[in-house]
PDB file of all heavy atoms in Angstrom:
ATOM      1  N   PRO A   1      42.171  -9.839 185.943  1.00  0.00           N
ATOM      2  CA  PRO A   1      41.109  -8.784 186.354  1.00  0.00           C
ATOM      3  C   PRO A   1      40.713  -9.014 187.746  1.00  0.00           C
ATOM      4  O   PRO A   1      40.558 -10.105 188.299  1.00  0.00           O
ATOM      5  CB  PRO A   1      39.999  -9.132 185.358  1.00  0.00           C
ATOM      6  CG  PRO A   1      40.572  -9.645 184.110  1.00  0.00           C
ATOM      7  CD  PRO A   1      41.866 -10.418 184.592  1.00  0.00           C
ATOM      8  N   LYS A   2      40.597  -7.881 188.534  1.00  0.00           N
ATOM      9  CA  LYS A   2      40.393  -7.921 189.964  1.00  0.00           C
ATOM     10  C   LYS A   2      39.097  -8.540 190.388  1.00  0.00           C
ATOM     11  O   LYS A   2      39.024  -9.090 191.528  1.00  0.00           O
ATOM     12  CB  LYS A   2      40.542  -6.544 190.648  1.00  0.00           C
ATOM     13  CG  LYS A   2      39.503  -5.604 190.269  1.00  0.00           C
ATOM     14  CD  LYS A   2      39.723  -4.280 190.972  1.00  0.00           C
ATOM     15  CE  LYS A   2      38.567  -3.233 190.742  1.00  0.00           C
ATOM     16  NZ  LYS A   2      38.823  -2.019 191.412  1.00  0.00           N
ATOM     17  N   GLU A   3      38.099  -8.594 189.499  1.00  0.00           N
ATOM     18  CA  GLU A   3      36.802  -9.279 189.917  1.00  0.00           C
ATOM     19  C   GLU A   3      36.874 -10.834 189.819  1.00  0.00           C
ATOM     20  O   GLU A   3      35.926 -11.467 190.301  1.00  0.00           O
ATOM     21  CB  GLU A   3      35.694  -8.624 189.105  1.00  0.00           C
ATOM     22  CG  GLU A   3      35.704  -9.122 187.625  1.00  0.00           C
ATOM     23  CD  GLU A   3      36.522  -8.262 186.691  1.00  0.00           C
ATOM     24  OE1 GLU A   3      37.325  -7.232 187.312  1.00  0.00           O
ATOM     25  OE2 GLU A   3      36.517  -8.388 185.471  1.00  0.00           O
ATOM     26  N   ILE A   4      37.875 -11.333 189.187  1.00  0.00           N
ATOM     27  CA  ILE A   4      37.960 -12.799 189.023  1.00  0.00           C
ATOM     28  C   ILE A   4      38.597 -13.413 190.295  1.00  0.00           C
ATOM     29  O   ILE A   4      39.586 -12.938 190.846  1.00  0.00           O
ATOM     30  CB  ILE A   4      38.705 -13.113 187.858  1.00  0.00           C
ATOM     31  CG1 ILE A   4      37.957 -12.674 186.560  1.00  0.00           C
ATOM     32  CG2 ILE A   4      39.019 -14.642 187.748  1.00  0.00           C
ATOM     33  CD1 ILE A   4      38.911 -12.937 185.287  1.00  0.00           C
ATOM     34  N   GLU A   5      37.980 -14.510 190.745  1.00  0.00           N
ATOM     35  CA  GLU A   5      38.519 -15.247 191.888  1.00  0.00           C
ATOM     36  C   GLU A   5      39.647 -16.034 191.550  1.00  0.00           C
ATOM     37  O   GLU A   5      39.714 -16.751 190.545  1.00  0.00           O
ATOM     38  CB  GLU A   5      37.478 -16.206 192.460  1.00  0.00           C
ATOM     39  CG  GLU A   5      37.874 -17.026 193.689  1.00  0.00           C
ATOM     40  CD  GLU A   5      36.800 -17.831 194.253  1.00  0.00           C
ATOM     41  OE1 GLU A   5      35.643 -17.778 193.731  1.00  0.00           O
ATOM     42  OE2 GLU A   5      37.186 -18.655 195.155  1.00  0.00           O
ATOM     43  N   TYR A   6      40.786 -15.934 192.312  1.00  0.00           N
ATOM     44  CA  TYR A   6      42.025 -16.642 191.998  1.00  0.00           C
ATOM     45  C   TYR A   6      42.283 -17.648 193.002  1.00  0.00           C
ATOM     46  O   TYR A   6      42.444 -17.436 194.106  1.00  0.00           O
ATOM     47  CB  TYR A   6      43.194 -15.633 191.790  1.00  0.00           C
ATOM     48  CG  TYR A   6      44.536 -16.277 191.384  1.00  0.00           C
ATOM     49  CD1 TYR A   6      44.842 -16.622 190.087  1.00  0.00           C
ATOM     50  CD2 TYR A   6      45.470 -16.390 192.358  1.00  0.00           C
ATOM     51  CE1 TYR A   6      45.957 -17.174 189.727  1.00  0.00           C
ATOM     52  CE2 TYR A   6      46.744 -16.924 192.018  1.00  0.00           C
ATOM     53  CZ  TYR A   6      47.013 -17.359 190.765  1.00  0.00           C
ATOM     54  OH  TYR A   6      48.140 -17.985 190.352  1.00  0.00           O
ATOM     55  N   ASN A   7      42.512 -18.913 192.546  1.00  0.00           N
ATOM     56  CA  ASN A   7      42.773 -20.039 193.569  1.00  0.00           C
ATOM     57  C   ASN A   7      44.121 -20.743 193.286  1.00  0.00           C
ATOM     58  O   ASN A   7      44.214 -21.866 193.630  1.00  0.00           O
ATOM     59  CB  ASN A   7      41.538 -20.983 193.530  1.00  0.00           C
ATOM     60  CG  ASN A   7      41.294 -21.440 192.106  1.00  0.00           C
ATOM     61  OD1 ASN A   7      42.104 -21.268 191.136  1.00  0.00           O
ATOM     62  ND2 ASN A   7      40.144 -22.118 191.854  1.00  0.00           N
ATOM     63  N   GLY A   8      44.968 -20.062 192.712  1.00  0.00           N
ATOM     64  CA  GLY A   8      46.255 -20.719 192.511  1.00  0.00           C
ATOM     65  C   GLY A   8      46.713 -20.581 191.037  1.00  0.00           C
ATOM     66  O   GLY A   8      45.966 -20.275 190.137  1.00  0.00           O
ATOM     67  N   LEU A   9      48.053 -21.032 190.765  1.00  0.00           N
ATOM     68  CA  LEU A   9      48.654 -21.008 189.438  1.00  0.00           C
ATOM     69  C   LEU A   9      47.880 -21.845 188.471  1.00  0.00           C
ATOM     70  O   LEU A   9      47.837 -21.409 187.204  1.00  0.00           O
ATOM     71  CB  LEU A   9      50.061 -21.393 189.589  1.00  0.00           C
ATOM     72  CG  LEU A   9      51.148 -21.115 188.501  1.00  0.00           C
ATOM     73  CD1 LEU A   9      51.067 -19.603 188.163  1.00  0.00           C
ATOM     74  CD2 LEU A   9      52.422 -21.631 188.723  1.00  0.00           C
ATOM     75  N   GLN A  10      47.119 -22.828 188.933  1.00  0.00           N
ATOM     76  CA  GLN A  10      46.440 -23.738 187.937  1.00  0.00           C
ATOM     77  C   GLN A  10      45.356 -22.933 187.195  1.00  0.00           C
ATOM     78  O   GLN A  10      44.933 -23.305 186.204  1.00  0.00           O
ATOM     79  CB  GLN A  10      45.787 -24.815 188.725  1.00  0.00           C
ATOM     80  CG  GLN A  10      45.316 -26.023 187.953  1.00  0.00           C
ATOM     81  CD  GLN A  10      46.449 -26.679 187.117  1.00  0.00           C
ATOM     82  OE1 GLN A  10      47.474 -26.870 187.606  1.00  0.00           O
ATOM     83  NE2 GLN A  10      46.113 -27.096 185.865  1.00  0.00           N
ATOM     84  N   TRP A  11      44.974 -21.720 187.735  1.00  0.00           N
ATOM     85  CA  TRP A  11      44.017 -20.831 186.977  1.00  0.00           C
ATOM     86  C   TRP A  11      44.507 -20.522 185.608  1.00  0.00           C
ATOM     87  O   TRP A  11      43.734 -20.324 184.739  1.00  0.00           O
ATOM     88  CB  TRP A  11      43.794 -19.631 187.811  1.00  0.00           C
ATOM     89  CG  TRP A  11      42.735 -18.640 187.299  1.00  0.00           C
ATOM     90  CD1 TRP A  11      41.486 -18.690 187.565  1.00  0.00           C
ATOM     91  CD2 TRP A  11      42.935 -17.657 186.223  1.00  0.00           C
ATOM     92  NE1 TRP A  11      40.772 -17.718 186.748  1.00  0.00           N
ATOM     93  CE2 TRP A  11      41.728 -17.023 186.010  1.00  0.00           C
ATOM     94  CE3 TRP A  11      44.068 -17.185 185.534  1.00  0.00           C
ATOM     95  CZ2 TRP A  11      41.478 -16.015 185.083  1.00  0.00           C
ATOM     96  CZ3 TRP A  11      43.915 -16.162 184.697  1.00  0.00           C
ATOM     97  CH2 TRP A  11      42.596 -15.544 184.422  1.00  0.00           C
ATOM     98  N   PHE A  12      45.830 -20.442 185.409  1.00  0.00           N
ATOM     99  CA  PHE A  12      46.325 -20.007 184.059  1.00  0.00           C
ATOM    100  C   PHE A  12      46.390 -21.250 183.102  1.00  0.00           C
ATOM    101  O   PHE A  12      46.687 -21.032 181.971  1.00  0.00           O
ATOM    102  CB  PHE A  12      47.778 -19.471 184.274  1.00  0.00           C
ATOM    103  CG  PHE A  12      47.753 -18.079 184.915  1.00  0.00           C
ATOM    104  CD1 PHE A  12      48.044 -17.963 186.203  1.00  0.00           C
ATOM    105  CD2 PHE A  12      47.516 -17.020 184.183  1.00  0.00           C
ATOM    106  CE1 PHE A  12      47.921 -16.744 186.776  1.00  0.00           C
ATOM    107  CE2 PHE A  12      47.515 -15.736 184.659  1.00  0.00           C
ATOM    108  CZ  PHE A  12      47.747 -15.581 186.083  1.00  0.00           C
ATOM    109  N   GLU A  13      45.951 -22.429 183.447  1.00  0.00           N
ATOM    110  CA  GLU A  13      45.944 -23.540 182.539  1.00  0.00           C
ATOM    111  C   GLU A  13      45.006 -23.254 181.395  1.00  0.00           C
ATOM    112  O   GLU A  13      43.811 -22.986 181.534  1.00  0.00           O
ATOM    113  CB  GLU A  13      45.541 -24.757 183.188  1.00  0.00           C
ATOM    114  CG  GLU A  13      45.336 -26.038 182.434  1.00  0.00           C
ATOM    115  CD  GLU A  13      46.771 -26.574 181.916  1.00  0.00           C
ATOM    116  OE1 GLU A  13      47.744 -26.420 182.613  1.00  0.00           O
ATOM    117  OE2 GLU A  13      46.778 -27.028 180.792  1.00  0.00           O
ATOM    118  N   GLY A  14      45.590 -23.214 180.164  1.00  0.00           N
ATOM    119  CA  GLY A  14      44.705 -23.004 179.034  1.00  0.00           C
ATOM    120  C   GLY A  14      44.336 -21.537 178.765  1.00  0.00           C
ATOM    121  O   GLY A  14      43.701 -21.241 177.782  1.00  0.00           O
ATOM    122  N   LYS A  15      44.751 -20.673 179.589  1.00  0.00           N
ATOM    123  CA  LYS A  15      44.485 -19.213 179.463  1.00  0.00           C
ATOM    124  C   LYS A  15      45.503 -18.566 178.609  1.00  0.00           C
ATOM    125  O   LYS A  15      46.579 -18.866 178.477  1.00  0.00           O
ATOM    126  CB  LYS A  15      44.457 -18.575 180.852  1.00  0.00           C
ATOM    127  CG  LYS A  15      43.426 -19.039 181.823  1.00  0.00           C
ATOM    128  CD  LYS A  15      41.990 -18.726 181.393  1.00  0.00           C
ATOM    129  CE  LYS A  15      41.054 -18.905 182.561  1.00  0.00           C
ATOM    130  NZ  LYS A  15      41.054 -20.252 183.202  1.00  0.00           N
ATOM    131  N   LYS A  16      45.034 -17.374 178.019  1.00  0.00           N
ATOM    132  CA  LYS A  16      45.884 -16.549 177.144  1.00  0.00           C
ATOM    133  C   LYS A  16      46.375 -15.384 178.066  1.00  0.00           C
ATOM    134  O   LYS A  16      45.691 -14.734 178.705  1.00  0.00           O
ATOM    135  CB  LYS A  16      45.075 -15.949 176.032  1.00  0.00           C
ATOM    136  CG  LYS A  16      45.897 -15.081 175.032  1.00  0.00           C
ATOM    137  CD  LYS A  16      45.122 -14.536 173.873  1.00  0.00           C
ATOM    138  CE  LYS A  16      44.740 -15.684 172.874  1.00  0.00           C
ATOM    139  NZ  LYS A  16      44.066 -15.099 171.687  1.00  0.00           N
ATOM    140  N   VAL A  17      47.777 -15.386 177.973  1.00  0.00           N
ATOM    141  CA  VAL A  17      48.521 -14.340 178.799  1.00  0.00           C
ATOM    142  C   VAL A  17      49.285 -13.478 177.854  1.00  0.00           C
ATOM    143  O   VAL A  17      50.109 -13.938 177.048  1.00  0.00           O
ATOM    144  CB  VAL A  17      49.383 -15.019 179.813  1.00  0.00           C
ATOM    145  CG1 VAL A  17      50.115 -13.908 180.619  1.00  0.00           C
ATOM    146  CG2 VAL A  17      48.557 -15.950 180.782  1.00  0.00           C
ATOM    147  N   ALA A  18      49.127 -12.144 178.037  1.00  0.00           N
ATOM    148  CA  ALA A  18      49.827 -11.143 177.205  1.00  0.00           C
ATOM    149  C   ALA A  18      51.064 -10.679 177.960  1.00  0.00           C
ATOM    150  O   ALA A  18      50.979 -10.532 179.190  1.00  0.00           O
ATOM    151  CB  ALA A  18      48.951  -9.986 176.938  1.00  0.00           C
ATOM    152  N   THR A  19      52.240 -10.569 177.219  1.00  0.00           N
ATOM    153  CA  THR A  19      53.438 -10.164 177.881  1.00  0.00           C
ATOM    154  C   THR A  19      54.422  -9.662 176.936  1.00  0.00           C
ATOM    155  O   THR A  19      54.351  -9.962 175.675  1.00  0.00           O
ATOM    156  CB  THR A  19      54.022 -11.414 178.617  1.00  0.00           C
ATOM    157  OG1 THR A  19      55.180 -10.975 179.420  1.00  0.00           O
ATOM    158  CG2 THR A  19      54.495 -12.540 177.659  1.00  0.00           C
ATOM    159  N   SER A  20      55.480  -8.922 177.401  1.00  0.00           N
ATOM    160  CA  SER A  20      56.597  -8.539 176.643  1.00  0.00           C
ATOM    161  C   SER A  20      57.804  -9.417 176.999  1.00  0.00           C
ATOM    162  O   SER A  20      58.920  -9.192 176.525  1.00  0.00           O
ATOM    163  CB  SER A  20      56.984  -7.041 176.837  1.00  0.00           C
ATOM    164  OG  SER A  20      55.927  -6.199 176.486  1.00  0.00           O
ATOM    165  N   TYR A  21      57.575 -10.423 177.895  1.00  0.00           N
ATOM    166  CA  TYR A  21      58.636 -11.280 178.460  1.00  0.00           C
ATOM    167  C   TYR A  21      58.243 -12.668 178.166  1.00  0.00           C
ATOM    168  O   TYR A  21      58.143 -13.529 179.181  1.00  0.00           O
ATOM    169  CB  TYR A  21      58.886 -11.016 179.880  1.00  0.00           C
ATOM    170  CG  TYR A  21      59.330  -9.552 180.132  1.00  0.00           C
ATOM    171  CD1 TYR A  21      58.350  -8.513 180.424  1.00  0.00           C
ATOM    172  CD2 TYR A  21      60.686  -9.255 179.981  1.00  0.00           C
ATOM    173  CE1 TYR A  21      58.697  -7.264 180.567  1.00  0.00           C
ATOM    174  CE2 TYR A  21      61.016  -7.877 180.202  1.00  0.00           C
ATOM    175  CZ  TYR A  21      60.146  -6.865 180.447  1.00  0.00           C
ATOM    176  OH  TYR A  21      60.525  -5.590 180.680  1.00  0.00           O
ATOM    177  N   PRO A  22      58.167 -13.187 176.985  1.00  0.00           N
ATOM    178  CA  PRO A  22      57.641 -14.519 176.666  1.00  0.00           C
ATOM    179  C   PRO A  22      58.715 -15.617 177.177  1.00  0.00           C
ATOM    180  O   PRO A  22      58.305 -16.708 177.552  1.00  0.00           O
ATOM    181  CB  PRO A  22      57.491 -14.614 175.171  1.00  0.00           C
ATOM    182  CG  PRO A  22      58.431 -13.497 174.699  1.00  0.00           C
ATOM    183  CD  PRO A  22      58.311 -12.431 175.703  1.00  0.00           C
ATOM    184  N   TYR A  23      59.933 -15.383 177.084  1.00  0.00           N
ATOM    185  CA  TYR A  23      60.975 -16.336 177.469  1.00  0.00           C
ATOM    186  C   TYR A  23      60.906 -16.681 178.959  1.00  0.00           C
ATOM    187  O   TYR A  23      60.836 -17.828 179.338  1.00  0.00           O
ATOM    188  CB  TYR A  23      62.403 -15.919 177.167  1.00  0.00           C
ATOM    189  CG  TYR A  23      63.493 -16.716 177.578  1.00  0.00           C
ATOM    190  CD1 TYR A  23      63.842 -17.893 176.826  1.00  0.00           C
ATOM    191  CD2 TYR A  23      64.237 -16.514 178.717  1.00  0.00           C
ATOM    192  CE1 TYR A  23      64.820 -18.724 177.196  1.00  0.00           C
ATOM    193  CE2 TYR A  23      65.304 -17.313 179.056  1.00  0.00           C
ATOM    194  CZ  TYR A  23      65.610 -18.422 178.397  1.00  0.00           C
ATOM    195  OH  TYR A  23      66.648 -19.214 178.728  1.00  0.00           O
ATOM    196  N   ILE A  24      60.838 -15.621 179.760  1.00  0.00           N
ATOM    197  CA  ILE A  24      60.749 -15.886 181.283  1.00  0.00           C
ATOM    198  C   ILE A  24      59.395 -16.504 181.619  1.00  0.00           C
ATOM    199  O   ILE A  24      59.411 -17.435 182.387  1.00  0.00           O
ATOM    200  CB  ILE A  24      60.868 -14.497 182.041  1.00  0.00           C
ATOM    201  CG1 ILE A  24      62.301 -13.925 181.782  1.00  0.00           C
ATOM    202  CG2 ILE A  24      60.608 -14.696 183.506  1.00  0.00           C
ATOM    203  CD1 ILE A  24      62.474 -12.454 182.329  1.00  0.00           C
ATOM    204  N   LEU A  25      58.316 -15.957 181.022  1.00  0.00           N
ATOM    205  CA  LEU A  25      56.950 -16.685 181.321  1.00  0.00           C
ATOM    206  C   LEU A  25      56.964 -18.038 180.926  1.00  0.00           C
ATOM    207  O   LEU A  25      56.536 -18.919 181.632  1.00  0.00           O
ATOM    208  CB  LEU A  25      55.900 -15.778 180.649  1.00  0.00           C
ATOM    209  CG  LEU A  25      54.511 -16.290 180.820  1.00  0.00           C
ATOM    210  CD1 LEU A  25      54.148 -16.304 182.321  1.00  0.00           C
ATOM    211  CD2 LEU A  25      53.464 -15.401 180.076  1.00  0.00           C
ATOM    212  N   ASP A  26      57.441 -18.431 179.688  1.00  0.00           N
ATOM    213  CA  ASP A  26      57.409 -19.801 179.149  1.00  0.00           C
ATOM    214  C   ASP A  26      58.121 -20.665 180.113  1.00  0.00           C
ATOM    215  O   ASP A  26      57.657 -21.741 180.461  1.00  0.00           O
ATOM    216  CB  ASP A  26      57.920 -19.832 177.711  1.00  0.00           C
ATOM    217  CG  ASP A  26      57.757 -21.163 177.181  1.00  0.00           C
ATOM    218  OD1 ASP A  26      56.626 -21.624 177.084  1.00  0.00           O
ATOM    219  OD2 ASP A  26      58.846 -21.714 176.665  1.00  0.00           O
ATOM    220  N   ASN A  27      59.377 -20.273 180.526  1.00  0.00           N
ATOM    221  CA  ASN A  27      60.198 -21.133 181.450  1.00  0.00           C
ATOM    222  C   ASN A  27      59.422 -21.379 182.802  1.00  0.00           C
ATOM    223  O   ASN A  27      59.448 -22.497 183.315  1.00  0.00           O
ATOM    224  CB  ASN A  27      61.460 -20.406 181.684  1.00  0.00           C
ATOM    225  CG  ASN A  27      62.480 -20.655 180.528  1.00  0.00           C
ATOM    226  OD1 ASN A  27      62.252 -21.408 179.641  1.00  0.00           O
ATOM    227  ND2 ASN A  27      63.618 -19.919 180.540  1.00  0.00           N
TER     228      ASN A  27
END
């Protein structure tokens, strides 16, 4: 969401991410 401050890939630690490409994302 554009209102959220993003400070790097570590932001995704423990977050839920929706995708149709789970293999690429998991790797």
